[in-house]
Each structure stands twice: as C-alpha cells, then as structure tokens.
Amino acid sequence: YGDSMYSYLRRYRMNVAATMLRQDSKKGIAEI
C-alpha cells in the first residue's frame, strides 16, 4: 500500500471525512 499502516489508515480516515464534508453539509464536524 506504499505507506506504513498507521499513516495509510490516517490518510484513509481523512479522505473519508473529506468526502463527507463535501457531500453532507448537514452533518457536523464532531459527528464526522
């Protein structure tokens, strides 16, 4: 996967969060 498990999973979480921030404006930051 080209990165350590910790760094990969951290980046994966942030990319999922970014998608949610773009697609669901009603969902709060704390909820995401």
PDB file of all heavy atoms in Angstrom:
ATOM      1  N   TYR A   1       0.799  -1.229   0.000  1.00  0.00           N
ATOM      2  CA  TYR A   1       0.000   0.000   0.000  1.00  0.00           C
ATOM      3  C   TYR A   1       0.830   1.276   0.000  1.00  0.00           C
ATOM      4  O   TYR A   1       0.269   2.376   0.001  1.00  0.00           O
ATOM      5  CB  TYR A   1      -0.977  -0.013   1.180  1.00  0.00           C
ATOM      6  CG  TYR A   1      -2.002  -1.116   1.056  1.00  0.00           C
ATOM      7  CD1 TYR A   1      -1.898  -2.287   1.799  1.00  0.00           C
ATOM      8  CD2 TYR A   1      -3.061  -0.988   0.166  1.00  0.00           C
ATOM      9  CE1 TYR A   1      -2.826  -3.312   1.669  1.00  0.00           C
ATOM     10  CE2 TYR A   1      -4.000  -2.004   0.030  1.00  0.00           C
ATOM     11  CZ  TYR A   1      -3.877  -3.164   0.777  1.00  0.00           C
ATOM     12  OH  TYR A   1      -4.802  -4.173   0.629  1.00  0.00           O
ATOM     13  N   GLY A   2       2.148   1.138  -0.001  1.00  0.00           N
ATOM     14  CA  GLY A   2       3.011   2.307  -0.191  1.00  0.00           C
ATOM     15  C   GLY A   2       3.222   3.177   1.021  1.00  0.00           C
ATOM     16  O   GLY A   2       3.825   4.247   0.904  1.00  0.00           O
ATOM     17  N   ASP A   3       2.746   2.756   2.175  1.00  0.00           N
ATOM     18  CA  ASP A   3       2.918   3.562   3.384  1.00  0.00           C
ATOM     19  C   ASP A   3       2.759   2.657   4.597  1.00  0.00           C
ATOM     20  O   ASP A   3       2.259   1.538   4.492  1.00  0.00           O
ATOM     21  CB  ASP A   3       1.871   4.680   3.424  1.00  0.00           C
ATOM     22  CG  ASP A   3       2.374   5.904   4.189  1.00  0.00           C
ATOM     23  OD1 ASP A   3       3.369   5.772   4.931  1.00  0.00           O
ATOM     24  OD2 ASP A   3       1.770   6.977   4.040  1.00  0.00           O
ATOM     25  N   SER A   4       3.213   3.158   5.748  1.00  0.00           N
ATOM     26  CA  SER A   4       3.025   2.383   6.975  1.00  0.00           C
ATOM     27  C   SER A   4       1.536   2.258   7.257  1.00  0.00           C
ATOM     28  O   SER A   4       0.724   3.069   6.794  1.00  0.00           O
ATOM     29  CB  SER A   4       3.728   3.064   8.150  1.00  0.00           C
ATOM     30  OG  SER A   4       3.069   4.281   8.474  1.00  0.00           O
ATOM     31  N   MET A   5       1.164   1.248   8.021  1.00  0.00           N
ATOM     32  CA  MET A   5      -0.245   1.025   8.321  1.00  0.00           C
ATOM     33  C   MET A   5      -0.854   2.230   9.032  1.00  0.00           C
ATOM     34  O   MET A   5      -1.984   2.639   8.733  1.00  0.00           O
ATOM     35  CB  MET A   5      -0.408  -0.242   9.172  1.00  0.00           C
ATOM     36  CG  MET A   5      -1.837  -0.704   9.300  1.00  0.00           C
ATOM     37  SD  MET A   5      -2.013  -2.202  10.315  1.00  0.00           S
ATOM     38  CE  MET A   5      -1.032  -3.361   9.370  1.00  0.00           C
ATOM     39  N   TYR A   6      -0.107   2.824   9.953  1.00  0.00           N
ATOM     40  CA  TYR A   6      -0.617   3.970  10.702  1.00  0.00           C
ATOM     41  C   TYR A   6      -0.876   5.156   9.767  1.00  0.00           C
ATOM     42  O   TYR A   6      -1.958   5.761   9.787  1.00  0.00           O
ATOM     43  CB  TYR A   6       0.383   4.374  11.785  1.00  0.00           C
ATOM     44  CG  TYR A   6       0.043   5.689  12.456  1.00  0.00           C
ATOM     45  CD1 TYR A   6      -0.945   5.759  13.436  1.00  0.00           C
ATOM     46  CD2 TYR A   6       0.694   6.868  12.086  1.00  0.00           C
ATOM     47  CE1 TYR A   6      -1.271   6.957  14.038  1.00  0.00           C
ATOM     48  CE2 TYR A   6       0.375   8.071  12.678  1.00  0.00           C
ATOM     49  CZ  TYR A   6      -0.604   8.114  13.649  1.00  0.00           C
ATOM     50  OH  TYR A   6      -0.926   9.318  14.227  1.00  0.00           O
ATOM     51  N   SER A   7       0.116   5.487   8.932  1.00  0.00           N
ATOM     52  CA  SER A   7      -0.028   6.643   8.037  1.00  0.00           C
ATOM     53  C   SER A   7      -1.104   6.396   6.992  1.00  0.00           C
ATOM     54  O   SER A   7      -1.879   7.299   6.654  1.00  0.00           O
ATOM     55  CB  SER A   7       1.307   6.947   7.349  1.00  0.00           C
ATOM     56  OG  SER A   7       2.281   7.308   8.298  1.00  0.00           O
ATOM     57  N   TYR A   8      -1.156   5.173   6.482  1.00  0.00           N
ATOM     58  CA  TYR A   8      -2.161   4.847   5.469  1.00  0.00           C
ATOM     59  C   TYR A   8      -3.568   4.994   6.039  1.00  0.00           C
ATOM     60  O   TYR A   8      -4.441   5.614   5.418  1.00  0.00           O
ATOM     61  CB  TYR A   8      -1.953   3.425   4.954  1.00  0.00           C
ATOM     62  CG  TYR A   8      -2.997   2.995   3.949  1.00  0.00           C
ATOM     63  CD1 TYR A   8      -2.800   3.209   2.588  1.00  0.00           C
ATOM     64  CD2 TYR A   8      -4.191   2.378   4.360  1.00  0.00           C
ATOM     65  CE1 TYR A   8      -3.759   2.823   1.656  1.00  0.00           C
ATOM     66  CE2 TYR A   8      -5.152   2.008   3.438  1.00  0.00           C
ATOM     67  CZ  TYR A   8      -4.929   2.228   2.095  1.00  0.00           C
ATOM     68  OH  TYR A   8      -5.892   1.863   1.176  1.00  0.00           O
ATOM     69  N   LEU A   9      -3.792   4.406   7.214  1.00  0.00           N
ATOM     70  CA  LEU A   9      -5.127   4.450   7.809  1.00  0.00           C
ATOM     71  C   LEU A   9      -5.511   5.872   8.198  1.00  0.00           C
ATOM     72  O   LEU A   9      -6.673   6.274   8.058  1.00  0.00           O
ATOM     73  CB  LEU A   9      -5.183   3.543   9.035  1.00  0.00           C
ATOM     74  CG  LEU A   9      -6.569   3.353   9.677  1.00  0.00           C
ATOM     75  CD1 LEU A   9      -7.571   2.839   8.649  1.00  0.00           C
ATOM     76  CD2 LEU A   9      -6.479   2.416  10.860  1.00  0.00           C
ATOM     77  N   ARG A  10      -4.557   6.640   8.643  1.00  0.00           N
ATOM     78  CA  ARG A  10      -4.820   8.046   8.997  1.00  0.00           C
ATOM     79  C   ARG A  10      -5.251   8.818   7.756  1.00  0.00           C
ATOM     80  O   ARG A  10      -6.228   9.576   7.790  1.00  0.00           O
ATOM     81  CB  ARG A  10      -3.546   8.649   9.592  1.00  0.00           C
ATOM     82  CG  ARG A  10      -3.690  10.074  10.116  1.00  0.00           C
ATOM     83  CD  ARG A  10      -2.442  10.391  10.899  1.00  0.00           C
ATOM     84  NE  ARG A  10      -2.458  11.721  11.460  1.00  0.00           N
ATOM     85  CZ  ARG A  10      -1.691  12.717  11.046  1.00  0.00           C
ATOM     86  NH1 ARG A  10      -0.842  12.523  10.039  1.00  0.00           N
ATOM     87  NH2 ARG A  10      -1.738  13.889  11.621  1.00  0.00           N
ATOM     88  N   ARG A  11      -4.541   8.644   6.668  1.00  0.00           N
ATOM     89  CA  ARG A  11      -4.898   9.324   5.424  1.00  0.00           C
ATOM     90  C   ARG A  11      -6.241   8.829   4.897  1.00  0.00           C
ATOM     91  O   ARG A  11      -7.051   9.612   4.386  1.00  0.00           O
ATOM     92  CB  ARG A  11      -3.802   9.101   4.385  1.00  0.00           C
ATOM     93  CG  ARG A  11      -3.993   9.937   3.110  1.00  0.00           C
ATOM     94  CD  ARG A  11      -2.794   9.854   2.180  1.00  0.00           C
ATOM     95  NE  ARG A  11      -2.602   8.513   1.658  1.00  0.00           N
ATOM     96  CZ  ARG A  11      -1.627   7.706   2.006  1.00  0.00           C
ATOM     97  NH1 ARG A  11      -0.731   8.088   2.908  1.00  0.00           N
ATOM     98  NH2 ARG A  11      -1.512   6.499   1.471  1.00  0.00           N
ATOM     99  N   TYR A  12      -6.491   7.531   5.042  1.00  0.00           N
ATOM    100  CA  TYR A  12      -7.759   6.957   4.602  1.00  0.00           C
ATOM    101  C   TYR A  12      -8.921   7.577   5.376  1.00  0.00           C
ATOM    102  O   TYR A  12      -9.954   7.946   4.798  1.00  0.00           O
ATOM    103  CB  TYR A  12      -7.735   5.440   4.818  1.00  0.00           C
ATOM    104  CG  TYR A  12      -8.920   4.699   4.240  1.00  0.00           C
ATOM    105  CD1 TYR A  12      -8.860   4.169   2.961  1.00  0.00           C
ATOM    106  CD2 TYR A  12     -10.094   4.525   4.983  1.00  0.00           C
ATOM    107  CE1 TYR A  12      -9.940   3.479   2.432  1.00  0.00           C
ATOM    108  CE2 TYR A  12     -11.175   3.849   4.462  1.00  0.00           C
ATOM    109  CZ  TYR A  12     -11.095   3.327   3.182  1.00  0.00           C
ATOM    110  OH  TYR A  12     -12.173   2.654   2.650  1.00  0.00           O
ATOM    111  N   ARG A  13      -8.768   7.705   6.690  1.00  0.00           N
ATOM    112  CA  ARG A  13      -9.813   8.319   7.518  1.00  0.00           C
ATOM    113  C   ARG A  13     -10.085   9.761   7.071  1.00  0.00           C
ATOM    114  O   ARG A  13     -11.241  10.188   6.973  1.00  0.00           O
ATOM    115  CB  ARG A  13      -9.386   8.329   8.986  1.00  0.00           C
ATOM    116  CG  ARG A  13      -9.287   6.971   9.650  1.00  0.00           C
ATOM    117  CD  ARG A  13      -8.805   7.133  11.086  1.00  0.00           C
ATOM    118  NE  ARG A  13      -8.410   5.878  11.702  1.00  0.00           N
ATOM    119  CZ  ARG A  13      -9.236   5.052  12.335  1.00  0.00           C
ATOM    120  NH1 ARG A  13     -10.513   5.367  12.442  1.00  0.00           N
ATOM    121  NH2 ARG A  13      -8.796   3.927  12.867  1.00  0.00           N
ATOM    122  N   MET A  14      -9.021  10.508   6.795  1.00  0.00           N
ATOM    123  CA  MET A  14      -9.186  11.907   6.418  1.00  0.00           C
ATOM    124  C   MET A  14      -9.851  12.049   5.051  1.00  0.00           C
ATOM    125  O   MET A  14     -10.655  12.966   4.825  1.00  0.00           O
ATOM    126  CB  MET A  14      -7.830  12.618   6.421  1.00  0.00           C
ATOM    127  CG  MET A  14      -7.164  12.702   7.794  1.00  0.00           C
ATOM    128  SD  MET A  14      -8.238  13.386   9.085  1.00  0.00           S
ATOM    129  CE  MET A  14      -8.595  11.900  10.055  1.00  0.00           C
ATOM    130  N   ASN A  15      -9.541  11.133   4.139  1.00  0.00           N
ATOM    131  CA  ASN A  15     -10.179  11.176   2.823  1.00  0.00           C
ATOM    132  C   ASN A  15     -11.669  10.857   2.921  1.00  0.00           C
ATOM    133  O   ASN A  15     -12.491  11.459   2.222  1.00  0.00           O
ATOM    134  CB  ASN A  15      -9.495  10.197   1.867  1.00  0.00           C
ATOM    135  CG  ASN A  15      -8.135  10.692   1.411  1.00  0.00           C
ATOM    136  OD1 ASN A  15      -7.895  11.894   1.361  1.00  0.00           O
ATOM    137  ND2 ASN A  15      -7.240   9.774   1.104  1.00  0.00           N
ATOM    138  N   VAL A  16     -12.019   9.912   3.783  1.00  0.00           N
ATOM    139  CA  VAL A  16     -13.437   9.608   4.012  1.00  0.00           C
ATOM    140  C   VAL A  16     -14.134  10.826   4.628  1.00  0.00           C
ATOM    141  O   VAL A  16     -15.247  11.195   4.226  1.00  0.00           O
ATOM    142  CB  VAL A  16     -13.592   8.377   4.935  1.00  0.00           C
ATOM    143  CG1 VAL A  16     -15.047   8.209   5.370  1.00  0.00           C
ATOM    144  CG2 VAL A  16     -13.108   7.122   4.225  1.00  0.00           C
ATOM    145  N   ALA A  17     -13.461  11.454   5.592  1.00  0.00           N
ATOM    146  CA  ALA A  17     -14.026  12.647   6.230  1.00  0.00           C
ATOM    147  C   ALA A  17     -14.209  13.776   5.211  1.00  0.00           C
ATOM    148  O   ALA A  17     -15.226  14.482   5.228  1.00  0.00           O
ATOM    149  CB  ALA A  17     -13.114  13.110   7.365  1.00  0.00           C
ATOM    150  N   ALA A  18     -13.240  13.940   4.319  1.00  0.00           N
ATOM    151  CA  ALA A  18     -13.328  14.986   3.295  1.00  0.00           C
ATOM    152  C   ALA A  18     -14.525  14.753   2.386  1.00  0.00           C
ATOM    153  O   ALA A  18     -15.241  15.693   2.015  1.00  0.00           O
ATOM    154  CB  ALA A  18     -12.037  15.032   2.475  1.00  0.00           C
ATOM    155  N   THR A  19     -14.762  13.498   2.034  1.00  0.00           N
ATOM    156  CA  THR A  19     -15.921  13.167   1.198  1.00  0.00           C
ATOM    157  C   THR A  19     -17.221  13.516   1.915  1.00  0.00           C
ATOM    158  O   THR A  19     -18.148  14.072   1.320  1.00  0.00           O
ATOM    159  CB  THR A  19     -15.910  11.668   0.848  1.00  0.00           C
ATOM    160  OG1 THR A  19     -14.712  11.360   0.130  1.00  0.00           O
ATOM    161  CG2 THR A  19     -17.113  11.308  -0.012  1.00  0.00           C
ATOM    162  N   MET A  20     -17.287  13.212   3.199  1.00  0.00           N
ATOM    163  CA  MET A  20     -18.481  13.529   3.978  1.00  0.00           C
ATOM    164  C   MET A  20     -18.677  15.034   4.106  1.00  0.00           C
ATOM    165  O   MET A  20     -19.810  15.533   4.042  1.00  0.00           O
ATOM    166  CB  MET A  20     -18.379  12.885   5.360  1.00  0.00           C
ATOM    167  CG  MET A  20     -18.369  11.361   5.330  1.00  0.00           C
ATOM    168  SD  MET A  20     -18.095  10.623   6.954  1.00  0.00           S
ATOM    169  CE  MET A  20     -19.639  11.058   7.757  1.00  0.00           C
ATOM    170  N   LEU A  21     -17.596  15.763   4.273  1.00  0.00           N
ATOM    171  CA  LEU A  21     -17.684  17.223   4.370  1.00  0.00           C
ATOM    172  C   LEU A  21     -18.222  17.827   3.078  1.00  0.00           C
ATOM    173  O   LEU A  21     -18.958  18.815   3.094  1.00  0.00           O
ATOM    174  CB  LEU A  21     -16.311  17.812   4.682  1.00  0.00           C
ATOM    175  CG  LEU A  21     -15.812  17.625   6.115  1.00  0.00           C
ATOM    176  CD1 LEU A  21     -14.322  17.939   6.209  1.00  0.00           C
ATOM    177  CD2 LEU A  21     -16.588  18.504   7.077  1.00  0.00           C
ATOM    178  N   ARG A  22     -17.869  17.208   1.952  1.00  0.00           N
ATOM    179  CA  ARG A  22     -18.330  17.710   0.657  1.00  0.00           C
ATOM    180  C   ARG A  22     -19.784  17.331   0.382  1.00  0.00           C
ATOM    181  O   ARG A  22     -20.545  18.135  -0.146  1.00  0.00           O
ATOM    182  CB  ARG A  22     -17.455  17.161  -0.476  1.00  0.00           C
ATOM    183  CG  ARG A  22     -16.021  17.629  -0.476  1.00  0.00           C
ATOM    184  CD  ARG A  22     -15.342  17.330  -1.807  1.00  0.00           C
ATOM    185  NE  ARG A  22     -15.430  15.922  -2.179  1.00  0.00           N
ATOM    186  CZ  ARG A  22     -14.516  15.014  -1.879  1.00  0.00           C
ATOM    187  NH1 ARG A  22     -13.451  15.362  -1.174  1.00  0.00           N
ATOM    188  NH2 ARG A  22     -14.657  13.771  -2.278  1.00  0.00           N
ATOM    189  N   GLN A  23     -20.158  16.110   0.751  1.00  0.00           N
ATOM    190  CA  GLN A  23     -21.439  15.576   0.311  1.00  0.00           C
ATOM    191  C   GLN A  23     -22.587  15.769   1.300  1.00  0.00           C
ATOM    192  O   GLN A  23     -23.743  15.672   0.913  1.00  0.00           O
ATOM    193  CB  GLN A  23     -21.281  14.079   0.000  1.00  0.00           C
ATOM    194  CG  GLN A  23     -20.340  13.800  -1.160  1.00  0.00           C
ATOM    195  CD  GLN A  23     -20.215  12.319  -1.478  1.00  0.00           C
ATOM    196  OE1 GLN A  23     -20.717  11.473  -0.741  1.00  0.00           O
ATOM    197  NE2 GLN A  23     -19.552  12.003  -2.564  1.00  0.00           N
ATOM    198  N   ASP A  24     -22.270  15.990   2.574  1.00  0.00           N
ATOM    199  CA  ASP A  24     -23.336  16.112   3.578  1.00  0.00           C
ATOM    200  C   ASP A  24     -23.111  17.366   4.413  1.00  0.00           C
ATOM    201  O   ASP A  24     -22.453  17.334   5.445  1.00  0.00           O
ATOM    202  CB  ASP A  24     -23.356  14.866   4.470  1.00  0.00           C
ATOM    203  CG  ASP A  24     -24.615  14.794   5.329  1.00  0.00           C
ATOM    204  OD1 ASP A  24     -25.355  15.800   5.371  1.00  0.00           O
ATOM    205  OD2 ASP A  24     -24.858  13.751   5.952  1.00  0.00           O
ATOM    206  N   SER A  25     -23.672  18.467   3.964  1.00  0.00           N
ATOM    207  CA  SER A  25     -23.470  19.750   4.645  1.00  0.00           C
ATOM    208  C   SER A  25     -24.197  19.816   5.988  1.00  0.00           C
ATOM    209  O   SER A  25     -23.885  20.664   6.823  1.00  0.00           O
ATOM    210  CB  SER A  25     -23.952  20.899   3.747  1.00  0.00           C
ATOM    211  OG  SER A  25     -25.330  20.747   3.437  1.00  0.00           O
ATOM    212  N   LYS A  26     -25.170  18.912   6.205  1.00  0.00           N
ATOM    213  CA  LYS A  26     -25.924  18.931   7.459  1.00  0.00           C
ATOM    214  C   LYS A  26     -25.197  18.210   8.586  1.00  0.00           C
ATOM    215  O   LYS A  26     -25.538  18.374   9.754  1.00  0.00           O
ATOM    216  CB  LYS A  26     -27.301  18.295   7.240  1.00  0.00           C
ATOM    217  CG  LYS A  26     -28.200  19.083   6.285  1.00  0.00           C
ATOM    218  CD  LYS A  26     -29.552  18.417   6.140  1.00  0.00           C
ATOM    219  CE  LYS A  26     -30.450  19.200   5.187  1.00  0.00           C
ATOM    220  NZ  LYS A  26     -31.773  18.546   5.027  1.00  0.00           N
ATOM    221  N   LYS A  27     -24.236  17.396   8.243  1.00  0.00           N
ATOM    222  CA  LYS A  27     -23.509  16.630   9.255  1.00  0.00           C
ATOM    223  C   LYS A  27     -22.432  17.507   9.886  1.00  0.00           C
ATOM    224  O   LYS A  27     -21.606  18.102   9.189  1.00  0.00           O
ATOM    225  CB  LYS A  27     -22.884  15.379   8.627  1.00  0.00           C
ATOM    226  CG  LYS A  27     -22.475  14.308   9.639  1.00  0.00           C
ATOM    227  CD  LYS A  27     -21.906  13.086   8.935  1.00  0.00           C
ATOM    228  CE  LYS A  27     -22.960  12.351   8.135  1.00  0.00           C
ATOM    229  NZ  LYS A  27     -23.957  11.688   9.019  1.00  0.00           N
ATOM    230  N   GLY A  28     -22.421  17.595  11.206  1.00  0.00           N
ATOM    231  CA  GLY A  28     -21.469  18.443  11.917  1.00  0.00           C
ATOM    232  C   GLY A  28     -20.069  17.865  11.945  1.00  0.00           C
ATOM    233  O   GLY A  28     -19.865  16.661  11.726  1.00  0.00           O
ATOM    234  N   ILE A  29     -19.103  18.732  12.254  1.00  0.00           N
ATOM    235  CA  ILE A  29     -17.698  18.320  12.286  1.00  0.00           C
ATOM    236  C   ILE A  29     -17.475  17.237  13.345  1.00  0.00           C
ATOM    237  O   ILE A  29     -16.794  16.240  13.098  1.00  0.00           O
ATOM    238  CB  ILE A  29     -16.781  19.520  12.577  1.00  0.00           C
ATOM    239  CG1 ILE A  29     -17.000  20.641  11.539  1.00  0.00           C
ATOM    240  CG2 ILE A  29     -15.313  19.085  12.589  1.00  0.00           C
ATOM    241  CD1 ILE A  29     -16.682  20.264  10.141  1.00  0.00           C
ATOM    242  N   ALA A  30     -18.059  17.430  14.525  1.00  0.00           N
ATOM    243  CA  ALA A  30     -17.885  16.459  15.609  1.00  0.00           C
ATOM    244  C   ALA A  30     -18.467  15.103  15.221  1.00  0.00           C
ATOM    245  O   ALA A  30     -17.890  14.054  15.548  1.00  0.00           O
ATOM    246  CB  ALA A  30     -18.548  16.972  16.880  1.00  0.00           C
ATOM    247  N   GLU A  31     -19.592  15.105  14.523  1.00  0.00           N
ATOM    248  CA  GLU A  31     -20.216  13.852  14.102  1.00  0.00           C
ATOM    249  C   GLU A  31     -19.347  13.124  13.087  1.00  0.00           C
ATOM    250  O   GLU A  31     -19.171  11.903  13.157  1.00  0.00           O
ATOM    251  CB  GLU A  31     -21.602  14.131  13.504  1.00  0.00           C
ATOM    252  CG  GLU A  31     -22.372  12.874  13.157  1.00  0.00           C
ATOM    253  CD  GLU A  31     -23.755  13.185  12.600  1.00  0.00           C
ATOM    254  OE1 GLU A  31     -24.111  14.380  12.516  1.00  0.00           O
ATOM    255  OE2 GLU A  31     -24.462  12.224  12.235  1.00  0.00           O
ATOM    256  N   ILE A  32     -18.798  13.881  12.158  1.00  0.00           N
ATOM    257  CA  ILE A  32     -17.904  13.289  11.150  1.00  0.00           C
ATOM    258  C   ILE A  32     -16.660  12.730  11.821  1.00  0.00           C
ATOM    259  O   ILE A  32     -16.182  11.642  11.468  1.00  0.00           O
ATOM    260  CB  ILE A  32     -17.532  14.335  10.080  1.00  0.00           C
ATOM    261  CG1 ILE A  32     -18.769  14.695   9.245  1.00  0.00           C
ATOM    262  CG2 ILE A  32     -16.414  13.814   9.172  1.00  0.00           C
ATOM    263  CD1 ILE A  32     -18.542  15.798   8.251  1.00  0.00           C
TER     264      ILE A  32
END
